[in-house]
Amino acid sequence: MTYLIKDETVVQQLKVLAQRKNKTVADVLRQVVVQEIEREESRTSTLEKIGPVLAKARAIGKPIRRIDWDAEKNASDELWGE
């Protein structure tokens, strides 16, 4: 299957990279696509990244509650005499 790349800058960049690597443009493009697919597949979601931290927080046993900022502000003002 043939693809037509209309962006001349991209074509030139592909040619330069192919020349530097002593490969064909198709080989360079194939390598870049494979690397990008591998990178996408290796990404972990934010939830997976913070999962261990959340588990530790839950293990502490203190429930997490929503903060009532108005109540916090009122308590702070009261403490500071405002």
PDB file of N, CA and C in Angstrom:
ATOM      1  N   MET A   1       0.844  -1.164   0.000  1.00  0.00           N
ATOM      2  CA  MET A   1       0.000   0.000   0.000  1.00  0.00           C
ATOM      3  C   MET A   1       0.897   1.237   0.000  1.00  0.00           C
ATOM      4  N   THR A   2       0.555   2.176  -0.815  1.00  0.00           N
ATOM      5  CA  THR A   2       1.339   3.392  -0.948  1.00  0.00           C
ATOM      6  C   THR A   2       0.648   4.547  -0.233  1.00  0.00           C
ATOM      7  N   TYR A   3       1.446   5.344   0.465  1.00  0.00           N
ATOM      8  CA  TYR A   3       0.943   6.537   1.127  1.00  0.00           C
ATOM      9  C   TYR A   3       1.639   7.753   0.527  1.00  0.00           C
ATOM     10  N   LEU A   4       0.886   8.810   0.349  1.00  0.00           N
ATOM     11  CA  LEU A   4       1.439  10.045  -0.160  1.00  0.00           C
ATOM     12  C   LEU A   4       1.530  11.027   0.999  1.00  0.00           C
ATOM     13  N   ILE A   5       2.753  11.448   1.308  1.00  0.00           N
ATOM     14  CA  ILE A   5       2.961  12.422   2.376  1.00  0.00           C
ATOM     15  C   ILE A   5       3.085  13.783   1.710  1.00  0.00           C
ATOM     16  N   LYS A   6       2.107  14.636   1.976  1.00  0.00           N
ATOM     17  CA  LYS A   6       2.066  15.939   1.318  1.00  0.00           C
ATOM     18  C   LYS A   6       2.883  17.002   2.047  1.00  0.00           C
ATOM     19  N   ASP A   7       3.256  16.728   3.278  1.00  0.00           N
ATOM     20  CA  ASP A   7       4.028  17.685   4.066  1.00  0.00           C
ATOM     21  C   ASP A   7       5.508  17.537   3.698  1.00  0.00           C
ATOM     22  N   GLU A   8       6.011  18.494   2.946  1.00  0.00           N
ATOM     23  CA  GLU A   8       7.385  18.416   2.445  1.00  0.00           C
ATOM     24  C   GLU A   8       8.413  18.417   3.581  1.00  0.00           C
ATOM     25  N   THR A   9       8.120  19.100   4.679  1.00  0.00           N
ATOM     26  CA  THR A   9       9.032  19.127   5.821  1.00  0.00           C
ATOM     27  C   THR A   9       9.201  17.723   6.394  1.00  0.00           C
ATOM     28  N   VAL A  10       8.117  17.011   6.513  1.00  0.00           N
ATOM     29  CA  VAL A  10       8.163  15.643   7.041  1.00  0.00           C
ATOM     30  C   VAL A  10       8.960  14.747   6.101  1.00  0.00           C
ATOM     31  N   VAL A  11       8.727  14.890   4.823  1.00  0.00           N
ATOM     32  CA  VAL A  11       9.459  14.089   3.832  1.00  0.00           C
ATOM     33  C   VAL A  11      10.956  14.364   3.935  1.00  0.00           C
ATOM     34  N   GLN A  12      11.326  15.634   4.040  1.00  0.00           N
ATOM     35  CA  GLN A  12      12.745  15.986   4.151  1.00  0.00           C
ATOM     36  C   GLN A  12      13.356  15.434   5.433  1.00  0.00           C
ATOM     37  N   GLN A  13      12.619  15.540   6.532  1.00  0.00           N
ATOM     38  CA  GLN A  13      13.123  15.010   7.801  1.00  0.00           C
ATOM     39  C   GLN A  13      13.315  13.501   7.730  1.00  0.00           C
ATOM     40  N   LEU A  14      12.387  12.815   7.085  1.00  0.00           N
ATOM     41  CA  LEU A  14      12.529  11.369   6.907  1.00  0.00           C
ATOM     42  C   LEU A  14      13.767  11.035   6.081  1.00  0.00           C
ATOM     43  N   LYS A  15      13.983  11.794   5.025  1.00  0.00           N
ATOM     44  CA  LYS A  15      15.144  11.550   4.168  1.00  0.00           C
ATOM     45  C   LYS A  15      16.454  11.790   4.923  1.00  0.00           C
ATOM     46  N   VAL A  16      16.500  12.872   5.701  1.00  0.00           N
ATOM     47  CA  VAL A  16      17.708  13.182   6.474  1.00  0.00           C
ATOM     48  C   VAL A  16      17.985  12.071   7.485  1.00  0.00           C
ATOM     49  N   LEU A  17      16.947  11.647   8.189  1.00  0.00           N
ATOM     50  CA  LEU A  17      17.125  10.591   9.188  1.00  0.00           C
ATOM     51  C   LEU A  17      17.539   9.280   8.531  1.00  0.00           C
ATOM     52  N   ALA A  18      16.931   8.970   7.400  1.00  0.00           N
ATOM     53  CA  ALA A  18      17.295   7.744   6.683  1.00  0.00           C
ATOM     54  C   ALA A  18      18.749   7.785   6.243  1.00  0.00           C
ATOM     55  N   GLN A  19      19.189   8.943   5.773  1.00  0.00           N
ATOM     56  CA  GLN A  19      20.580   9.071   5.331  1.00  0.00           C
ATOM     57  C   GLN A  19      21.537   8.917   6.512  1.00  0.00           C
ATOM     58  N   ARG A  20      21.198   9.554   7.632  1.00  0.00           N
ATOM     59  CA  ARG A  20      22.061   9.458   8.811  1.00  0.00           C
ATOM     60  C   ARG A  20      22.164   8.024   9.323  1.00  0.00           C
ATOM     61  N   LYS A  21      21.066   7.280   9.229  1.00  0.00           N
ATOM     62  CA  LYS A  21      21.054   5.905   9.737  1.00  0.00           C
ATOM     63  C   LYS A  21      21.451   4.894   8.667  1.00  0.00           C
ATOM     64  N   ASN A  22      21.683   5.394   7.471  1.00  0.00           N
ATOM     65  CA  ASN A  22      22.037   4.533   6.342  1.00  0.00           C
ATOM     66  C   ASN A  22      20.959   3.459   6.125  1.00  0.00           C
ATOM     67  N   LYS A  23      19.715   3.906   6.131  1.00  0.00           N
ATOM     68  CA  LYS A  23      18.570   3.024   5.920  1.00  0.00           C
ATOM     69  C   LYS A  23      17.656   3.654   4.891  1.00  0.00           C
ATOM     70  N   THR A  24      16.674   2.899   4.461  1.00  0.00           N
ATOM     71  CA  THR A  24      15.687   3.455   3.547  1.00  0.00           C
ATOM     72  C   THR A  24      14.663   4.260   4.349  1.00  0.00           C
ATOM     73  N   VAL A  25      13.953   5.131   3.638  1.00  0.00           N
ATOM     74  CA  VAL A  25      12.912   5.932   4.290  1.00  0.00           C
ATOM     75  C   VAL A  25      11.852   5.007   4.885  1.00  0.00           C
ATOM     76  N   ALA A  26      11.504   3.953   4.164  1.00  0.00           N
ATOM     77  CA  ALA A  26      10.505   2.998   4.659  1.00  0.00           C
ATOM     78  C   ALA A  26      10.975   2.335   5.949  1.00  0.00           C
ATOM     79  N   ASP A  27      12.259   1.962   6.012  1.00  0.00           N
ATOM     80  CA  ASP A  27      12.795   1.339   7.226  1.00  0.00           C
ATOM     81  C   ASP A  27      12.753   2.300   8.411  1.00  0.00           C
ATOM     82  N   VAL A  28      13.121   3.552   8.160  1.00  0.00           N
ATOM     83  CA  VAL A  28      13.107   4.554   9.223  1.00  0.00           C
ATOM     84  C   VAL A  28      11.681   4.775   9.708  1.00  0.00           C
ATOM     85  N   LEU A  29      10.767   4.905   8.778  1.00  0.00           N
ATOM     86  CA  LEU A  29       9.366   5.118   9.138  1.00  0.00           C
ATOM     87  C   LEU A  29       8.815   3.923   9.916  1.00  0.00           C
ATOM     88  N   ARG A  30       9.158   2.725   9.473  1.00  0.00           N
ATOM     89  CA  ARG A  30       8.719   1.508  10.158  1.00  0.00           C
ATOM     90  C   ARG A  30       9.261   1.480  11.591  1.00  0.00           C
ATOM     91  N   GLN A  31      10.534   1.811  11.761  1.00  0.00           N
ATOM     92  CA  GLN A  31      11.156   1.808  13.083  1.00  0.00           C
ATOM     93  C   GLN A  31      10.490   2.823  14.004  1.00  0.00           C
ATOM     94  N   VAL A  32      10.228   4.002  13.492  1.00  0.00           N
ATOM     95  CA  VAL A  32       9.587   5.040  14.298  1.00  0.00           C
ATOM     96  C   VAL A  32       8.186   4.613  14.714  1.00  0.00           C
ATOM     97  N   VAL A  33       7.442   4.027  13.807  1.00  0.00           N
ATOM     98  CA  VAL A  33       6.082   3.582  14.122  1.00  0.00           C
ATOM     99  C   VAL A  33       6.107   2.483  15.177  1.00  0.00           C
ATOM    100  N   VAL A  34       7.003   1.528  15.025  1.00  0.00           N
ATOM    101  CA  VAL A  34       7.108   0.438  16.007  1.00  0.00           C
ATOM    102  C   VAL A  34       7.480   0.986  17.378  1.00  0.00           C
ATOM    103  N   GLN A  35       8.439   1.901  17.427  1.00  0.00           N
ATOM    104  CA  GLN A  35       8.845   2.498  18.703  1.00  0.00           C
ATOM    105  C   GLN A  35       7.686   3.244  19.354  1.00  0.00           C
ATOM    106  N   GLU A  36       6.914   3.949  18.555  1.00  0.00           N
ATOM    107  CA  GLU A  36       5.791   4.723  19.088  1.00  0.00           C
ATOM    108  C   GLU A  36       4.694   3.795  19.614  1.00  0.00           C
ATOM    109  N   ILE A  37       4.440   2.705  18.914  1.00  0.00           N
ATOM    110  CA  ILE A  37       3.453   1.728  19.387  1.00  0.00           C
ATOM    111  C   ILE A  37       3.906   1.115  20.698  1.00  0.00           C
ATOM    112  N   GLU A  38       5.187   0.751  20.789  1.00  0.00           N
ATOM    113  CA  GLU A  38       5.720   0.183  22.036  1.00  0.00           C
ATOM    114  C   GLU A  38       5.617   1.177  23.179  1.00  0.00           C
ATOM    115  N   ARG A  39       5.895   2.436  22.895  1.00  0.00           N
ATOM    116  CA  ARG A  39       5.810   3.479  23.921  1.00  0.00           C
ATOM    117  C   ARG A  39       4.378   3.631  24.422  1.00  0.00           C
ATOM    118  N   GLU A  40       3.430   3.623  23.516  1.00  0.00           N
ATOM    119  CA  GLU A  40       2.027   3.742  23.907  1.00  0.00           C
ATOM    120  C   GLU A  40       1.580   2.555  24.746  1.00  0.00           C
ATOM    121  N   GLU A  41       2.024   1.355  24.367  1.00  0.00           N
ATOM    122  CA  GLU A  41       1.631   0.150  25.097  1.00  0.00           C
ATOM    123  C   GLU A  41       2.259   0.085  26.477  1.00  0.00           C
ATOM    124  N   SER A  42       3.412   0.718  26.652  1.00  0.00           N
ATOM    125  CA  SER A  42       4.106   0.652  27.933  1.00  0.00           C
ATOM    126  C   SER A  42       3.623   1.701  28.920  1.00  0.00           C
ATOM    127  N   ARG A  43       2.821   2.638  28.440  1.00  0.00           N
ATOM    128  CA  ARG A  43       2.308   3.683  29.335  1.00  0.00           C
ATOM    129  C   ARG A  43       1.399   3.072  30.390  1.00  0.00           C
ATOM    130  N   THR A  44       1.546   3.568  31.593  1.00  0.00           N
ATOM    131  CA  THR A  44       0.648   3.130  32.654  1.00  0.00           C
ATOM    132  C   THR A  44      -0.283   4.275  32.997  1.00  0.00           C
ATOM    133  N   SER A  45      -1.458   3.912  33.387  1.00  0.00           N
ATOM    134  CA  SER A  45      -2.421   4.954  33.722  1.00  0.00           C
ATOM    135  C   SER A  45      -2.038   5.608  35.047  1.00  0.00           C
ATOM    136  N   THR A  46      -2.582   6.767  35.267  1.00  0.00           N
ATOM    137  CA  THR A  46      -2.317   7.496  36.506  1.00  0.00           C
ATOM    138  C   THR A  46      -2.763   6.673  37.704  1.00  0.00           C
ATOM    139  N   LEU A  47      -3.897   6.028  37.584  1.00  0.00           N
ATOM    140  CA  LEU A  47      -4.405   5.215  38.688  1.00  0.00           C
ATOM    141  C   LEU A  47      -3.448   4.068  39.008  1.00  0.00           C
ATOM    142  N   GLU A  48      -2.866   3.459  37.979  1.00  0.00           N
ATOM    143  CA  GLU A  48      -1.895   2.391  38.211  1.00  0.00           C
ATOM    144  C   GLU A  48      -0.644   2.930  38.900  1.00  0.00           C
ATOM    145  N   LYS A  49      -0.245   4.145  38.561  1.00  0.00           N
ATOM    146  CA  LYS A  49       0.944   4.739  39.160  1.00  0.00           C
ATOM    147  C   LYS A  49       0.724   5.079  40.629  1.00  0.00           C
ATOM    148  N   ILE A  50      -0.440   5.634  40.947  1.00  0.00           N
ATOM    149  CA  ILE A  50      -0.672   6.051  42.331  1.00  0.00           C
ATOM    150  C   ILE A  50      -1.355   4.976  43.162  1.00  0.00           C
ATOM    151  N   GLY A  51      -1.646   3.839  42.547  1.00  0.00           N
ATOM    152  CA  GLY A  51      -2.302   2.737  43.253  1.00  0.00           C
ATOM    153  C   GLY A  51      -1.606   2.329  44.545  1.00  0.00           C
ATOM    154  N   PRO A  52      -0.282   2.110  44.536  1.00  0.00           N
ATOM    155  CA  PRO A  52       0.401   1.730  45.766  1.00  0.00           C
ATOM    156  C   PRO A  52       0.283   2.789  46.869  1.00  0.00           C
ATOM    157  N   VAL A  53       0.322   4.044  46.488  1.00  0.00           N
ATOM    158  CA  VAL A  53       0.195   5.126  47.474  1.00  0.00           C
ATOM    159  C   VAL A  53      -1.207   5.128  48.064  1.00  0.00           C
ATOM    160  N   LEU A  54      -2.204   4.950  47.219  1.00  0.00           N
ATOM    161  CA  LEU A  54      -3.581   4.889  47.707  1.00  0.00           C
ATOM    162  C   LEU A  54      -3.779   3.704  48.645  1.00  0.00           C
ATOM    163  N   ALA A  55      -3.177   2.580  48.316  1.00  0.00           N
ATOM    164  CA  ALA A  55      -3.287   1.398  49.171  1.00  0.00           C
ATOM    165  C   ALA A  55      -2.680   1.664  50.545  1.00  0.00           C
ATOM    166  N   LYS A  56      -1.530   2.335  50.583  1.00  0.00           N
ATOM    167  CA  LYS A  56      -0.903   2.674  51.861  1.00  0.00           C
ATOM    168  C   LYS A  56      -1.782   3.627  52.660  1.00  0.00           C
ATOM    169  N   ALA A  57      -2.375   4.591  51.973  1.00  0.00           N
ATOM    170  CA  ALA A  57      -3.243   5.554  52.648  1.00  0.00           C
ATOM    171  C   ALA A  57      -4.462   4.851  53.248  1.00  0.00           C
ATOM    172  N   ARG A  58      -5.013   3.906  52.508  1.00  0.00           N
ATOM    173  CA  ARG A  58      -6.162   3.152  53.026  1.00  0.00           C
ATOM    174  C   ARG A  58      -5.759   2.284  54.211  1.00  0.00           C
ATOM    175  N   ALA A  59      -4.533   1.778  54.181  1.00  0.00           N
ATOM    176  CA  ALA A  59      -4.062   0.906  55.260  1.00  0.00           C
ATOM    177  C   ALA A  59      -3.894   1.666  56.565  1.00  0.00           C
ATOM    178  N   ILE A  60      -3.665   2.964  56.490  1.00  0.00           N
ATOM    179  CA  ILE A  60      -3.523   3.775  57.703  1.00  0.00           C
ATOM    180  C   ILE A  60      -4.808   3.745  58.507  1.00  0.00           C
ATOM    181  N   GLY A  61      -5.922   3.662  57.804  1.00  0.00           N
ATOM    182  CA  GLY A  61      -7.194   3.507  58.486  1.00  0.00           C
ATOM    183  C   GLY A  61      -7.978   4.777  58.718  1.00  0.00           C
ATOM    184  N   LYS A  62      -7.382   5.910  58.420  1.00  0.00           N
ATOM    185  CA  LYS A  62      -8.120   7.155  58.585  1.00  0.00           C
ATOM    186  C   LYS A  62      -8.959   7.388  57.333  1.00  0.00           C
ATOM    187  N   PRO A  63     -10.260   7.592  57.519  1.00  0.00           N
ATOM    188  CA  PRO A  63     -11.085   7.805  56.345  1.00  0.00           C
ATOM    189  C   PRO A  63     -10.771   9.157  55.690  1.00  0.00           C
ATOM    190  N   ILE A  64     -10.848   9.160  54.413  1.00  0.00           N
ATOM    191  CA  ILE A  64     -10.627  10.394  53.677  1.00  0.00           C
ATOM    192  C   ILE A  64     -11.983  11.054  53.487  1.00  0.00           C
ATOM    193  N   ARG A  65     -12.065  12.294  53.905  1.00  0.00           N
ATOM    194  CA  ARG A  65     -13.342  13.000  53.766  1.00  0.00           C
ATOM    195  C   ARG A  65     -13.146  14.211  52.872  1.00  0.00           C
ATOM    196  N   ARG A  66     -14.232  14.683  52.359  1.00  0.00           N
ATOM    197  CA  ARG A  66     -14.183  15.906  51.561  1.00  0.00           C
ATOM    198  C   ARG A  66     -13.969  17.086  52.495  1.00  0.00           C
ATOM    199  N   ILE A  67     -13.225  18.034  52.052  1.00  0.00           N
ATOM    200  CA  ILE A  67     -12.925  19.198  52.877  1.00  0.00           C
ATOM    201  C   ILE A  67     -13.988  20.264  52.636  1.00  0.00           C
ATOM    202  N   ASP A  68     -14.563  20.732  53.714  1.00  0.00           N
ATOM    203  CA  ASP A  68     -15.510  21.839  53.643  1.00  0.00           C
ATOM    204  C   ASP A  68     -14.694  23.117  53.824  1.00  0.00           C
ATOM    205  N   TRP A  69     -14.342  23.745  52.717  1.00  0.00           N
ATOM    206  CA  TRP A  69     -13.437  24.884  52.763  1.00  0.00           C
ATOM    207  C   TRP A  69     -14.038  26.066  53.517  1.00  0.00           C
ATOM    208  N   ASP A  70     -15.351  26.219  53.451  1.00  0.00           N
ATOM    209  CA  ASP A  70     -15.988  27.309  54.195  1.00  0.00           C
ATOM    210  C   ASP A  70     -15.812  27.088  55.690  1.00  0.00           C
ATOM    211  N   ALA A  71     -16.019  25.847  56.140  1.00  0.00           N
ATOM    212  CA  ALA A  71     -15.855  25.543  57.559  1.00  0.00           C
ATOM    213  C   ALA A  71     -14.397  25.717  57.984  1.00  0.00           C
ATOM    214  N   GLU A  72     -13.469  25.293  57.126  1.00  0.00           N
ATOM    215  CA  GLU A  72     -12.041  25.456  57.425  1.00  0.00           C
ATOM    216  C   GLU A  72     -11.686  26.938  57.541  1.00  0.00           C
ATOM    217  N   LYS A  73     -12.208  27.751  56.642  1.00  0.00           N
ATOM    218  CA  LYS A  73     -11.951  29.194  56.664  1.00  0.00           C
ATOM    219  C   LYS A  73     -12.528  29.819  57.936  1.00  0.00           C
ATOM    220  N   ASN A  74     -13.746  29.437  58.282  1.00  0.00           N
ATOM    221  CA  ASN A  74     -14.373  29.979  59.491  1.00  0.00           C
ATOM    222  C   ASN A  74     -13.577  29.594  60.739  1.00  0.00           C
ATOM    223  N   ALA A  75     -13.122  28.339  60.804  1.00  0.00           N
ATOM    224  CA  ALA A  75     -12.339  27.882  61.958  1.00  0.00           C
ATOM    225  C   ALA A  75     -11.015  28.641  62.031  1.00  0.00           C
ATOM    226  N   SER A  76     -10.379  28.854  60.888  1.00  0.00           N
ATOM    227  CA  SER A  76      -9.124  29.581  60.851  1.00  0.00           C
ATOM    228  C   SER A  76      -9.324  31.038  61.280  1.00  0.00           C
ATOM    229  N   ASP A  77     -10.393  31.640  60.756  1.00  0.00           N
ATOM    230  CA  ASP A  77     -10.677  33.024  61.149  1.00  0.00           C
ATOM    231  C   ASP A  77     -10.923  33.134  62.649  1.00  0.00           C
ATOM    232  N   GLU A  78     -11.616  32.151  63.187  1.00  0.00           N
ATOM    233  CA  GLU A  78     -11.904  32.157  64.618  1.00  0.00           C
ATOM    234  C   GLU A  78     -10.627  32.039  65.440  1.00  0.00           C
ATOM    235  N   LEU A  79      -9.720  31.173  64.998  1.00  0.00           N
ATOM    236  CA  LEU A  79      -8.456  31.002  65.701  1.00  0.00           C
ATOM    237  C   LEU A  79      -7.614  32.276  65.662  1.00  0.00           C
ATOM    238  N   TRP A  80      -7.668  32.988  64.554  1.00  0.00           N
ATOM    239  CA  TRP A  80      -6.872  34.190  64.405  1.00  0.00           C
ATOM    240  C   TRP A  80      -7.614  35.448  64.854  1.00  0.00           C
ATOM    241  N   GLY A  81      -8.822  35.266  65.339  1.00  0.00           N
ATOM    242  CA  GLY A  81      -9.569  36.394  65.850  1.00  0.00           C
ATOM    243  C   GLY A  81     -10.061  37.344  64.775  1.00  0.00           C
ATOM    244  N   GLU A  82     -10.364  36.803  63.646  1.00  0.00           N
ATOM    245  CA  GLU A  82     -10.850  37.652  62.531  1.00  0.00           C
ATOM    246  C   GLU A  82     -12.328  37.490  62.350  1.00  0.00           C
TER     247      GLU A  82
END
